[in-house]
N, C-alpha and C. Protein backbone atom coordinates (compact mmCIF):
# COMPACT_ATOMS: atom_id res chain seq x y z
N MET A 1 -6.36 18.96 -10.84
CA MET A 1 -5.29 19.31 -11.24
C MET A 1 -5.20 20.20 -12.17
N ALA A 2 -4.43 21.33 -12.18
CA ALA A 2 -4.55 22.28 -13.49
C ALA A 2 -3.39 21.77 -14.78
N LYS A 3 -3.89 22.49 -15.42
CA LYS A 3 -3.02 21.50 -17.00
C LYS A 3 -2.10 22.55 -17.18
N LYS A 4 -0.74 21.90 -17.55
CA LYS A 4 0.31 21.87 -18.12
C LYS A 4 0.51 23.09 -18.92
N VAL A 5 1.38 24.58 -18.84
CA VAL A 5 1.22 25.06 -19.20
C VAL A 5 2.86 24.97 -20.48
N ILE A 6 2.40 24.59 -21.55
CA ILE A 6 3.59 24.71 -22.79
C ILE A 6 4.20 25.83 -23.32
N GLY A 7 3.12 26.72 -23.79
CA GLY A 7 3.23 27.76 -24.05
C GLY A 7 2.93 29.49 -23.66
N ASN A 8 3.06 30.42 -23.80
CA ASN A 8 2.73 31.97 -23.59
C ASN A 8 2.97 32.36 -25.01
N LEU A 9 1.98 32.64 -25.84
CA LEU A 9 2.35 33.66 -26.36
C LEU A 9 2.00 35.13 -26.61
N LYS A 10 2.67 35.92 -27.71
CA LYS A 10 1.75 37.69 -27.38
C LYS A 10 2.09 38.05 -28.90
N LEU A 11 0.86 38.33 -29.17
CA LEU A 11 0.43 38.44 -30.68
C LEU A 11 -0.52 39.91 -31.06
N ARG A 12 0.23 40.78 -31.95
CA ARG A 12 -0.46 41.79 -31.68
C ARG A 12 -1.24 41.95 -33.27
N ILE A 13 -2.67 41.85 -33.39
CA ILE A 13 -3.30 41.71 -34.26
C ILE A 13 -4.27 42.92 -34.49
N PRO A 14 -5.23 43.12 -35.82
CA PRO A 14 -5.86 44.29 -35.87
C PRO A 14 -7.04 43.59 -35.53
N ALA A 15 -7.41 44.26 -34.49
CA ALA A 15 -9.25 44.61 -34.36
C ALA A 15 -10.31 43.83 -35.40
N GLY A 16 -11.10 42.97 -35.00
CA GLY A 16 -11.97 41.90 -36.00
C GLY A 16 -11.55 41.84 -37.39
N ARG A 17 -10.24 41.79 -37.38
CA ARG A 17 -9.60 41.73 -38.61
C ARG A 17 -8.72 39.96 -38.75
N ALA A 18 -8.78 38.65 -37.62
CA ALA A 18 -7.86 38.30 -37.34
C ALA A 18 -8.58 37.05 -38.64
N THR A 19 -7.15 36.20 -39.49
CA THR A 19 -7.62 35.59 -40.05
C THR A 19 -6.59 34.15 -39.76
N ALA A 20 -7.10 33.39 -40.65
CA ALA A 20 -6.18 32.22 -41.31
C ALA A 20 -4.51 32.64 -41.48
N GLY A 21 -4.41 33.55 -42.08
CA GLY A 21 -3.09 33.64 -42.70
C GLY A 21 -1.81 34.25 -41.51
N PRO A 22 -1.06 34.75 -41.84
CA PRO A 22 0.01 35.04 -41.07
C PRO A 22 -0.60 36.49 -40.43
N PRO A 23 -0.32 37.02 -38.95
CA PRO A 23 0.25 36.20 -38.18
C PRO A 23 -0.15 35.17 -37.44
N VAL A 24 -1.85 35.23 -37.32
CA VAL A 24 -2.23 34.53 -36.34
C VAL A 24 -2.02 32.99 -37.11
N GLY A 25 -2.37 32.50 -38.24
CA GLY A 25 -2.00 31.31 -38.24
C GLY A 25 -0.80 30.29 -38.63
N SER A 26 0.25 31.49 -38.83
CA SER A 26 1.19 30.63 -38.64
C SER A 26 1.70 30.16 -37.52
N THR A 27 1.31 31.35 -36.29
CA THR A 27 1.78 31.14 -34.66
C THR A 27 0.89 30.00 -34.25
N LEU A 28 -0.37 30.03 -34.53
CA LEU A 28 -0.98 29.02 -33.59
C LEU A 28 -0.44 27.42 -34.51
N GLY A 29 -0.34 27.37 -35.78
CA GLY A 29 -0.09 26.43 -36.37
C GLY A 29 0.76 25.70 -35.97
N GLN A 30 1.88 26.11 -35.67
CA GLN A 30 3.12 25.49 -34.77
C GLN A 30 2.84 25.26 -33.38
N TRP A 31 1.78 25.54 -32.93
CA TRP A 31 1.50 25.04 -31.71
C TRP A 31 -0.05 23.68 -31.89
N GLY A 32 -0.07 23.73 -33.11
CA GLY A 32 -0.94 22.86 -32.94
C GLY A 32 -2.39 22.96 -32.69
N LEU A 33 -2.62 23.92 -33.09
CA LEU A 33 -3.87 24.85 -31.94
C LEU A 33 -4.72 24.87 -33.32
N ASN A 34 -6.26 25.05 -33.11
CA ASN A 34 -7.25 25.06 -34.23
C ASN A 34 -7.44 26.73 -34.33
N MET A 35 -7.05 27.12 -35.17
CA MET A 35 -6.92 28.41 -35.27
C MET A 35 -8.51 29.25 -35.22
N MET A 36 -9.31 28.23 -35.94
CA MET A 36 -10.78 29.17 -35.93
C MET A 36 -11.53 29.11 -34.24
N ASP A 37 -10.95 28.18 -33.26
CA ASP A 37 -11.23 28.30 -32.20
C ASP A 37 -11.05 29.62 -31.78
N PHE A 38 -9.68 30.22 -31.82
CA PHE A 38 -9.26 31.35 -31.64
C PHE A 38 -9.88 32.64 -32.51
N ILE A 39 -9.82 32.61 -34.00
CA ILE A 39 -10.63 33.65 -34.51
C ILE A 39 -11.60 34.31 -34.56
N ASN A 40 -12.69 33.12 -34.35
CA ASN A 40 -14.48 33.71 -34.52
C ASN A 40 -14.35 34.70 -33.01
N PRO A 41 -13.85 34.03 -32.40
CA PRO A 41 -14.27 34.60 -30.79
C PRO A 41 -13.60 35.82 -30.47
N PHE A 42 -12.03 36.29 -31.17
CA PHE A 42 -11.39 37.03 -31.34
C PHE A 42 -12.16 38.20 -32.17
N ASN A 43 -12.40 37.77 -33.59
CA ASN A 43 -13.02 39.24 -34.03
C ASN A 43 -14.03 39.30 -33.53
N GLU A 44 -15.42 38.73 -32.87
CA GLU A 44 -16.31 39.09 -32.50
C GLU A 44 -16.03 40.08 -30.70
N ALA A 45 -15.52 39.55 -30.22
CA ALA A 45 -14.65 40.15 -29.26
C ALA A 45 -14.09 41.61 -29.22
N THR A 46 -13.69 41.67 -30.50
CA THR A 46 -12.85 43.16 -30.99
C THR A 46 -13.53 43.76 -31.63
N LYS A 47 -14.64 43.26 -32.36
CA LYS A 47 -15.34 44.09 -33.37
C LYS A 47 -15.32 45.69 -33.26
N ASP A 48 -15.86 46.22 -32.31
CA ASP A 48 -16.08 47.18 -31.91
C ASP A 48 -14.37 48.57 -31.93
N MET A 49 -13.67 47.59 -31.87
CA MET A 49 -12.27 48.54 -32.03
C MET A 49 -11.58 48.37 -33.38
N MET A 50 -12.61 48.36 -34.13
CA MET A 50 -12.04 48.08 -35.73
C MET A 50 -11.23 49.17 -36.19
N GLY A 51 -10.23 48.47 -37.03
CA GLY A 51 -8.86 49.58 -37.58
C GLY A 51 -7.73 49.96 -36.55
N LYS A 52 -7.88 49.05 -35.43
CA LYS A 52 -6.84 49.38 -34.46
C LYS A 52 -6.12 47.74 -34.13
N ASP A 53 -4.82 48.42 -34.21
CA ASP A 53 -4.07 46.52 -33.32
C ASP A 53 -4.63 46.71 -32.00
N VAL A 54 -4.55 45.39 -31.77
CA VAL A 54 -5.07 44.89 -30.21
C VAL A 54 -3.79 43.97 -29.76
N ILE A 55 -2.97 44.03 -28.43
CA ILE A 55 -2.36 42.90 -27.96
C ILE A 55 -3.04 41.91 -27.68
N VAL A 56 -2.60 40.74 -27.77
CA VAL A 56 -3.22 38.99 -27.43
C VAL A 56 -2.13 38.53 -26.50
N HIS A 57 -2.46 37.93 -25.25
CA HIS A 57 -1.78 36.87 -24.73
C HIS A 57 -2.63 35.63 -25.09
N LEU A 58 -1.62 34.94 -25.52
CA LEU A 58 -2.31 33.51 -25.57
C LEU A 58 -1.01 32.45 -24.58
N GLN A 59 -2.21 31.56 -23.82
CA GLN A 59 -1.83 30.66 -22.97
C GLN A 59 -2.02 29.21 -23.72
N VAL A 60 -0.95 28.35 -23.89
CA VAL A 60 -1.06 27.12 -24.62
C VAL A 60 -1.09 26.29 -23.79
N PHE A 61 -1.85 24.99 -23.54
CA PHE A 61 -1.94 23.88 -22.47
C PHE A 61 -1.48 22.72 -23.25
N GLU A 62 -0.90 21.87 -22.42
CA GLU A 62 -0.29 20.20 -22.81
C GLU A 62 -1.34 19.65 -23.96
N ASP A 63 -2.72 19.68 -23.04
CA ASP A 63 -3.57 19.25 -24.32
C ASP A 63 -3.81 19.95 -25.53
N ARG A 64 -3.33 20.70 -26.12
CA ARG A 64 -3.89 21.93 -26.74
C ARG A 64 -5.01 22.60 -27.00
N THR A 65 -4.94 22.70 -25.90
CA THR A 65 -5.81 23.83 -25.56
C THR A 65 -5.29 25.17 -25.06
N PHE A 66 -6.33 26.19 -25.12
CA PHE A 66 -5.39 27.21 -25.00
C PHE A 66 -6.65 28.10 -24.36
N LYS A 67 -6.06 29.36 -23.91
CA LYS A 67 -7.08 30.47 -23.32
C LYS A 67 -6.42 31.97 -23.65
N TRP A 68 -6.95 32.67 -24.24
CA TRP A 68 -6.63 33.74 -24.42
C TRP A 68 -7.20 35.60 -23.83
N LYS A 69 -6.70 36.23 -23.72
CA LYS A 69 -6.68 37.13 -23.27
C LYS A 69 -6.31 38.71 -23.74
N SER A 70 -7.13 39.70 -23.96
CA SER A 70 -7.13 40.65 -25.03
C SER A 70 -6.43 41.93 -23.89
N LEU A 71 -5.41 42.29 -24.41
CA LEU A 71 -5.10 43.74 -23.44
C LEU A 71 -5.65 45.07 -24.37
N GLY A 72 -6.08 45.11 -25.08
CA GLY A 72 -6.38 46.24 -25.98
C GLY A 72 -5.43 47.04 -26.78
N GLN A 73 -5.40 47.89 -27.17
CA GLN A 73 -4.74 48.46 -27.91
C GLN A 73 -3.25 49.27 -27.08
N PRO A 74 -2.32 48.91 -28.03
CA PRO A 74 -1.17 49.12 -26.62
C PRO A 74 -0.65 50.98 -26.70
N VAL A 75 0.08 51.05 -25.86
CA VAL A 75 0.14 52.42 -25.59
C VAL A 75 0.58 52.97 -26.58
N ASP A 76 1.86 52.92 -27.08
CA ASP A 76 2.31 53.74 -27.84
C ASP A 76 1.34 53.94 -29.30
N ASP A 77 0.22 53.17 -29.59
CA ASP A 77 -0.48 53.92 -30.38
C ASP A 77 -1.78 54.79 -29.93
N MET A 78 -1.96 54.57 -28.77
CA MET A 78 -2.72 55.57 -28.18
C MET A 78 -2.16 56.75 -28.09
N ILE A 79 -1.10 57.00 -27.77
CA ILE A 79 -0.26 58.24 -27.81
C ILE A 79 -0.39 58.57 -29.09
N ARG A 80 0.41 57.93 -30.31
CA ARG A 80 0.45 58.60 -31.29
C ARG A 80 -1.02 58.78 -32.08
N ASP A 81 -1.82 58.51 -31.83
CA ASP A 81 -3.03 58.79 -31.84
C ASP A 81 -3.57 60.12 -31.15
N ARG A 82 -3.85 60.47 -30.18
CA ARG A 82 -3.88 61.46 -29.37
C ARG A 82 -2.92 62.58 -29.53
N ALA A 83 -1.64 62.16 -30.36
CA ALA A 83 -0.69 63.33 -30.93
C ALA A 83 -0.92 63.75 -32.29
N GLY A 84 -1.33 62.96 -32.79
CA GLY A 84 -2.17 63.22 -34.14
C GLY A 84 -0.31 62.79 -35.26
N ILE A 85 -0.08 62.20 -34.84
CA ILE A 85 1.64 61.35 -35.55
C ILE A 85 1.69 60.26 -36.31
N GLN A 86 2.34 60.08 -37.20
CA GLN A 86 2.36 58.96 -37.98
C GLN A 86 3.27 57.98 -37.09
N LYS A 87 4.50 58.55 -36.60
CA LYS A 87 5.71 57.50 -36.10
C LYS A 87 6.04 58.46 -34.86
N GLY A 88 7.19 57.75 -33.94
CA GLY A 88 7.36 58.64 -33.19
C GLY A 88 9.04 59.09 -33.92
N ALA A 89 9.90 59.92 -32.89
CA ALA A 89 10.62 60.89 -33.48
C ALA A 89 12.05 59.38 -33.17
N GLY A 90 13.11 59.99 -34.51
CA GLY A 90 14.68 58.57 -34.80
C GLY A 90 15.08 59.04 -33.13
N ASN A 91 15.08 60.13 -32.99
CA ASN A 91 16.26 60.68 -31.84
C ASN A 91 15.40 61.42 -30.78
N SER A 92 14.86 60.85 -29.28
CA SER A 92 13.97 61.94 -28.71
C SER A 92 14.45 62.78 -27.88
N LYS A 93 15.76 62.77 -28.10
CA LYS A 93 16.40 63.50 -26.88
C LYS A 93 16.31 64.94 -27.49
N THR A 94 16.65 64.76 -29.06
CA THR A 94 17.59 66.25 -29.66
C THR A 94 15.38 66.36 -30.78
N ASP A 95 14.71 65.62 -30.96
CA ASP A 95 13.49 65.77 -32.05
C ASP A 95 12.15 65.80 -31.26
N LYS A 96 11.73 66.46 -31.29
CA LYS A 96 10.01 66.29 -30.94
C LYS A 96 9.55 66.20 -32.08
N VAL A 97 8.51 65.64 -32.09
CA VAL A 97 7.19 65.49 -33.07
C VAL A 97 5.79 65.64 -32.88
N GLY A 98 5.66 65.93 -31.29
CA GLY A 98 4.36 66.19 -31.21
C GLY A 98 3.98 66.55 -29.85
N LYS A 99 2.77 66.44 -29.48
CA LYS A 99 2.38 67.28 -27.82
C LYS A 99 1.00 66.11 -27.17
N ILE A 100 1.28 65.87 -26.20
CA ILE A 100 -0.19 65.75 -25.39
C ILE A 100 0.09 66.37 -24.28
N SER A 101 -1.25 66.05 -23.92
CA SER A 101 -1.96 66.97 -22.46
C SER A 101 -1.90 65.98 -21.29
N LYS A 102 -1.94 67.07 -20.05
CA LYS A 102 -1.97 65.68 -18.98
C LYS A 102 -3.32 64.81 -18.99
N ALA A 103 -4.08 65.90 -19.34
CA ALA A 103 -5.79 65.07 -19.57
C ALA A 103 -5.14 63.70 -20.49
N GLN A 104 -4.74 64.20 -21.59
CA GLN A 104 -4.71 62.91 -22.55
C GLN A 104 -4.21 62.19 -21.79
N LEU A 105 -3.01 62.47 -21.13
CA LEU A 105 -1.72 61.14 -20.36
C LEU A 105 -2.84 60.12 -19.68
N GLN A 106 -3.71 61.53 -18.59
CA GLN A 106 -4.67 60.54 -17.34
C GLN A 106 -5.37 59.59 -18.06
N GLU A 107 -6.03 60.23 -19.34
CA GLU A 107 -7.08 59.49 -19.90
C GLU A 107 -6.15 57.87 -20.10
N ILE A 108 -5.15 58.08 -21.06
CA ILE A 108 -4.84 56.70 -21.41
C ILE A 108 -4.26 55.65 -20.35
N ALA A 109 -3.45 56.58 -19.45
CA ALA A 109 -3.38 55.62 -17.94
C ALA A 109 -4.66 55.05 -17.70
N GLU A 110 -5.79 55.60 -17.56
CA GLU A 110 -6.70 55.40 -17.03
C GLU A 110 -7.75 54.48 -17.73
N ILE A 111 -7.07 54.07 -18.87
CA ILE A 111 -7.71 53.02 -19.62
C ILE A 111 -6.50 51.79 -19.45
N LYS A 112 -5.61 52.20 -19.63
CA LYS A 112 -4.33 50.86 -19.19
C LYS A 112 -3.95 50.34 -17.89
N MET A 113 -4.68 51.14 -17.21
CA MET A 113 -4.55 51.11 -15.62
C MET A 113 -4.65 49.14 -15.20
N GLU A 114 -5.40 48.63 -15.64
CA GLU A 114 -5.05 47.25 -15.04
C GLU A 114 -4.27 46.23 -15.94
N HIS A 115 -3.41 46.80 -17.06
CA HIS A 115 -2.31 45.97 -17.34
C HIS A 115 -0.81 46.57 -17.06
N LEU A 116 -0.74 47.91 -16.35
CA LEU A 116 0.53 48.22 -16.34
C LEU A 116 1.07 47.89 -14.25
N ASN A 117 2.14 48.14 -14.35
CA ASN A 117 2.75 47.73 -12.97
C ASN A 117 2.60 48.80 -12.47
N ALA A 118 1.65 49.55 -11.72
CA ALA A 118 1.57 50.89 -11.18
C ALA A 118 0.40 50.49 -10.31
N VAL A 119 0.44 50.96 -8.57
CA VAL A 119 -0.61 51.28 -7.63
C VAL A 119 -1.83 52.02 -7.87
N SER A 120 -0.97 53.32 -8.27
CA SER A 120 -1.66 54.58 -8.44
C SER A 120 -1.80 54.89 -9.77
N ILE A 121 -2.95 55.87 -10.08
CA ILE A 121 -3.26 56.47 -11.48
C ILE A 121 -1.81 57.27 -11.61
N GLU A 122 -1.18 58.20 -10.53
CA GLU A 122 -0.12 58.90 -10.82
C GLU A 122 0.94 57.84 -11.54
N GLY A 123 1.07 56.56 -10.39
CA GLY A 123 2.12 55.97 -11.25
C GLY A 123 2.32 55.65 -12.26
N ALA A 124 0.70 55.22 -13.05
CA ALA A 124 0.46 54.97 -14.36
C ALA A 124 0.61 56.34 -15.16
N MET A 125 0.50 57.43 -15.16
CA MET A 125 0.62 58.51 -15.38
C MET A 125 2.22 58.65 -16.25
N LYS A 126 2.75 58.24 -14.98
CA LYS A 126 4.42 58.39 -15.35
C LYS A 126 4.88 57.36 -16.35
N THR A 127 4.65 56.08 -16.08
CA THR A 127 5.00 55.13 -16.74
C THR A 127 4.63 55.56 -18.52
N ILE A 128 3.16 55.81 -18.73
CA ILE A 128 2.63 56.66 -19.80
C ILE A 128 3.24 57.75 -20.32
N ALA A 129 3.85 58.75 -19.50
CA ALA A 129 4.52 59.66 -19.73
C ALA A 129 6.11 59.36 -20.26
N GLY A 130 6.73 58.35 -19.73
CA GLY A 130 8.07 57.84 -20.00
C GLY A 130 7.94 57.48 -21.34
N THR A 131 6.62 56.91 -21.79
CA THR A 131 6.93 55.93 -23.35
C THR A 131 6.75 57.40 -24.05
N ALA A 132 5.88 58.26 -23.89
CA ALA A 132 5.58 59.41 -24.72
C ALA A 132 7.11 59.86 -24.70
N ARG A 133 8.06 61.02 -24.08
CA ARG A 133 9.08 60.87 -23.81
C ARG A 133 9.82 60.10 -24.46
N SER A 134 9.86 58.92 -24.63
CA SER A 134 11.14 57.88 -25.33
C SER A 134 10.63 58.22 -27.12
N MET A 135 9.51 58.31 -27.66
CA MET A 135 9.03 58.31 -28.95
C MET A 135 8.85 60.10 -29.32
N GLY A 136 9.73 61.07 -28.55
CA GLY A 136 9.45 62.27 -28.89
C GLY A 136 8.21 63.12 -28.58
N VAL A 137 7.50 62.63 -27.84
CA VAL A 137 6.41 63.36 -27.80
C VAL A 137 6.80 64.29 -26.37
N GLU A 138 5.91 65.02 -26.64
CA GLU A 138 6.25 66.72 -24.99
C GLU A 138 5.05 66.23 -24.66
N ILE A 139 4.80 66.37 -23.05
CA ILE A 139 3.32 66.53 -22.14
C ILE A 139 3.22 67.72 -21.76
N THR A 140 1.90 68.38 -22.35
CA THR A 140 1.80 69.65 -21.74
C THR A 140 1.14 69.87 -20.77
N GLU A 141 0.84 71.28 -20.58
CA GLU A 141 -0.09 71.62 -18.67
C GLU A 141 -1.50 71.57 -19.29
């Protein structure tokens, strides 16, 4: 029989730098979970992405065990990296803060394909392009 899930958590943590302090410690502590059972494997698994934020999904079970899955770097961070900007536009309809090429867009889509609700790479590219437009980033040829 499958374990009963009592919580689904979503965290954004710096890769390779999870500590018992916030946000990890306070979130896992609320659920009565052993922090070091998450922190050590997470830091080991993400040490190659050091300096970038990582999205993590945690599933908490009734017996106070959990399983986690790393979804990698968020799409908006990837767009900002490739466009060379610090933040998106305040008003994306009138303000344009940067540009990315279709090749860069495809590269992001290929990396994030398994986590997106898209059937094809073209669909994934449209999803990523929508995120870029909402940040005030233009897509160039």
